[in-house]
């Protein structure tokens, strides 16, 4: 079985002077910093042996795709490691906040829990029209928003062309 030592790099991981060298360095950094998390998540969540990449049995592009997938699974070791990384927290603070959850992982069970929460909110507010918890956006939602935005832009351009730049931008 292959072993990862700080001073040793398998030949397949040694940086080369090619276009993909930056990616290899990034993967090496991931392996160095988060190997235990990656190994555990690959085994527990994906059912694959992370050492297969070290052995040269799988392509490194697949390793990176699997790692990114594990990072998106709430509760995984990789996701947890990202949550406590102060540098990533700084970068995330600069990004606009999402108003809707992602569709990835929004299972039927999560949807049912959201429905129950909506019913509880409506009951407490004594208003059946109380605001619902946001759901993931679908392609139809995005198209509808784009059509409404285009109609609003056209309306402003027709009645007040000098104020086109002040047209409010819809957000989902």
Protein backbone atom coordinates (compact mmCIF):
# COMPACT_ATOMS: atom_id res chain seq x y z
CA UNK A 1 0.00 0.00 0.00
CA UNK A 2 1.28 3.47 -0.86
CA UNK A 3 2.20 5.76 1.98
CA UNK A 4 2.30 9.54 1.89
CA UNK A 5 5.49 10.95 3.39
CA UNK A 6 6.17 14.69 3.50
CA UNK A 7 9.31 14.45 1.38
CA UNK A 8 8.09 11.81 -1.08
CA UNK A 9 5.87 12.35 -4.10
CA UNK A 10 4.81 9.51 -6.36
CA UNK A 11 5.98 10.06 -9.96
CA UNK A 12 2.40 10.66 -11.13
CA UNK A 13 2.10 13.61 -8.70
CA UNK A 14 5.38 15.39 -9.35
CA UNK A 15 4.76 18.82 -10.85
CA UNK A 16 5.74 19.10 -14.48
CA UNK A 17 6.27 22.16 -16.64
CA UNK A 18 3.03 21.72 -18.54
CA UNK A 19 -0.27 23.54 -18.63
CA UNK A 20 -1.73 21.32 -15.87
CA UNK A 21 1.11 21.85 -13.37
CA UNK A 22 -0.96 24.31 -11.31
CA UNK A 23 -3.72 21.78 -10.91
CA UNK A 24 -1.28 19.13 -9.75
CA UNK A 25 0.15 21.54 -7.15
CA UNK A 26 -3.39 22.27 -5.98
CA UNK A 27 -4.14 18.57 -5.62
CA UNK A 28 -0.84 18.06 -3.78
CA UNK A 29 -1.80 20.85 -1.37
CA UNK A 30 -5.20 19.23 -0.78
CA UNK A 31 -3.58 15.88 -0.09
CA UNK A 32 -1.07 17.46 2.26
CA UNK A 33 -3.63 19.51 4.20
CA UNK A 34 -6.77 17.33 4.17
CA UNK A 35 -5.82 13.72 3.46
CA UNK A 36 -7.63 12.23 6.47
CA UNK A 37 -10.86 14.05 5.59
CA UNK A 38 -10.58 13.14 1.91
CA UNK A 39 -9.77 9.48 2.58
CA UNK A 40 -12.67 9.13 5.01
CA UNK A 41 -15.22 10.90 2.83
CA UNK A 42 -14.22 9.02 -0.31
CA UNK A 43 -14.65 5.72 1.55
CA UNK A 44 -17.79 6.55 3.55
CA UNK A 45 -19.70 8.69 1.08
CA UNK A 46 -18.48 7.65 -2.37
CA UNK A 47 -17.41 4.08 -1.61
CA UNK A 48 -14.04 4.45 -3.34
CA UNK A 49 -10.49 4.00 -2.08
CA UNK A 50 -8.62 7.32 -2.15
CA UNK A 51 -5.35 5.41 -2.41
CA UNK A 52 -6.40 4.33 -5.95
CA UNK A 53 -5.19 7.75 -7.18
CA UNK A 54 -1.88 7.38 -5.35
CA UNK A 55 -1.48 3.95 -6.94
CA UNK A 56 -2.14 5.46 -10.37
CA UNK A 57 -5.36 3.47 -10.91
CA UNK A 58 -7.60 6.52 -11.40
CA UNK A 59 -7.16 9.88 -13.16
CA UNK A 60 -6.39 12.94 -11.02
CA UNK A 61 -9.12 14.98 -12.70
CA UNK A 62 -11.59 12.51 -11.20
CA UNK A 63 -9.97 12.94 -7.77
CA UNK A 64 -10.59 16.68 -7.90
CA UNK A 65 -14.23 16.21 -9.03
CA UNK A 66 -14.85 13.75 -6.19
CA UNK A 67 -13.26 16.12 -3.68
CA UNK A 68 -15.44 19.04 -4.84
CA UNK A 69 -18.52 16.82 -4.57
CA UNK A 70 -17.65 15.81 -1.00
CA UNK A 71 -17.18 19.48 -0.12
CA UNK A 72 -20.78 20.18 -1.18
CA UNK A 73 -22.24 17.47 1.05
CA UNK A 74 -23.27 19.03 4.36
CA UNK A 75 -21.90 17.01 7.25
CA UNK A 76 -18.99 15.50 5.34
CA UNK A 77 -15.48 15.90 6.77
CA UNK A 78 -14.40 17.87 3.68
CA UNK A 79 -17.35 20.26 4.04
CA UNK A 80 -16.68 20.67 7.76
CA UNK A 81 -13.02 21.47 7.08
CA UNK A 82 -14.09 24.21 4.67
CA UNK A 83 -16.46 25.70 7.25
CA UNK A 84 -13.66 26.21 9.79
CA UNK A 85 -11.08 27.56 7.31
CA UNK A 86 -10.60 31.27 8.17
CA UNK A 87 -9.16 32.14 4.75
CA UNK A 88 -12.21 30.70 2.99
CA UNK A 89 -14.48 32.52 5.44
CA UNK A 90 -12.84 35.80 4.42
CA UNK A 91 -13.37 35.03 0.74
CA UNK A 92 -16.97 33.91 1.34
CA UNK A 93 -17.75 37.14 3.19
CA UNK A 94 -16.97 39.06 -0.02
CA UNK A 95 -19.50 37.06 -2.05
CA UNK A 96 -23.17 38.03 -2.34
CA UNK A 97 -25.41 36.03 -0.04
CA UNK A 98 -27.64 33.42 -1.68
CA UNK A 99 -31.35 33.83 -1.10
CA UNK A 100 -32.23 30.30 -2.14
CA UNK A 101 -30.64 27.00 -1.15
CA UNK A 102 -28.86 24.99 -3.82
CA UNK A 103 -30.71 22.18 -5.53
CA UNK A 104 -27.83 19.80 -4.73
CA UNK A 105 -28.89 17.70 -1.77
CA UNK A 106 -32.39 19.22 -1.60
CA UNK A 107 -34.00 15.81 -1.22
CA UNK A 108 -37.66 14.87 -0.88
CA UNK A 109 -37.14 14.66 2.88
CA UNK A 110 -35.73 18.20 3.03
CA UNK A 111 -38.61 19.42 0.87
CA UNK A 112 -41.10 17.79 3.27
CA UNK A 113 -39.38 19.45 6.27
CA UNK A 114 -39.61 22.83 4.53
CA UNK A 115 -43.35 22.21 3.98
CA UNK A 116 -43.80 21.40 7.68
CA UNK A 117 -41.91 24.59 8.64
CA UNK A 118 -44.15 26.60 6.29
CA UNK A 119 -47.24 25.16 7.98
CA UNK A 120 -45.88 26.00 11.44
CA UNK A 121 -45.01 29.57 10.36
CA UNK A 122 -48.50 30.03 8.86
CA UNK A 123 -50.08 28.69 12.06
CA UNK A 124 -48.04 30.96 14.34
CA UNK A 125 -48.63 33.99 12.11
CA UNK A 126 -52.32 33.07 11.84
CA UNK A 127 -52.00 33.82 8.15
CA UNK A 128 -52.09 31.03 5.54
CA UNK A 129 -50.21 33.35 3.18
CA UNK A 130 -47.24 33.81 5.54
CA UNK A 131 -43.94 33.80 3.69
CA UNK A 132 -42.60 30.43 2.72
CA UNK A 133 -39.04 29.30 3.25
CA UNK A 134 -37.04 29.72 0.04
CA UNK A 135 -36.68 26.66 -2.18
CA UNK A 136 -33.98 25.96 -4.78
CA UNK A 137 -34.47 27.88 -8.01
CA UNK A 138 -35.41 25.87 -11.07
CA UNK A 139 -34.75 26.72 -14.67
CA UNK A 140 -38.40 27.79 -14.99
CA UNK A 141 -37.97 30.20 -12.05
CA UNK A 142 -34.93 31.79 -13.67
CA UNK A 143 -36.69 32.11 -17.05
CA UNK A 144 -39.71 33.70 -15.38
CA UNK A 145 -37.47 36.21 -13.61
CA UNK A 146 -35.67 37.05 -16.87
CA UNK A 147 -39.01 37.62 -18.65
CA UNK A 148 -40.25 39.89 -15.84
CA UNK A 149 -36.96 41.82 -15.90
CA UNK A 150 -37.15 42.25 -19.69
CA UNK A 151 -40.76 43.48 -19.43
CA UNK A 152 -39.83 45.96 -16.71
CA UNK A 153 -36.83 47.19 -18.72
CA UNK A 154 -39.06 47.69 -21.79
CA UNK A 155 -41.68 49.54 -19.75
CA UNK A 156 -39.13 51.95 -18.27
CA UNK A 157 -37.47 52.46 -21.67
CA UNK A 158 -40.86 53.27 -23.22
CA UNK A 159 -42.13 55.74 -20.61
CA UNK A 160 -38.90 57.19 -19.25
CA UNK A 161 -35.90 56.53 -21.51
CA UNK A 162 -33.68 58.90 -19.52
CA UNK A 163 -34.12 56.68 -16.43
CA UNK A 164 -33.28 53.31 -17.98
CA UNK A 165 -30.13 53.06 -15.87
CA UNK A 166 -32.30 53.38 -12.72
CA UNK A 167 -34.46 50.35 -13.54
CA UNK A 168 -34.55 48.07 -10.49
CA UNK A 169 -32.91 44.70 -11.00
CA UNK A 170 -34.98 41.74 -9.91
CA UNK A 171 -33.29 39.12 -7.79
CA UNK A 172 -34.43 35.62 -7.07
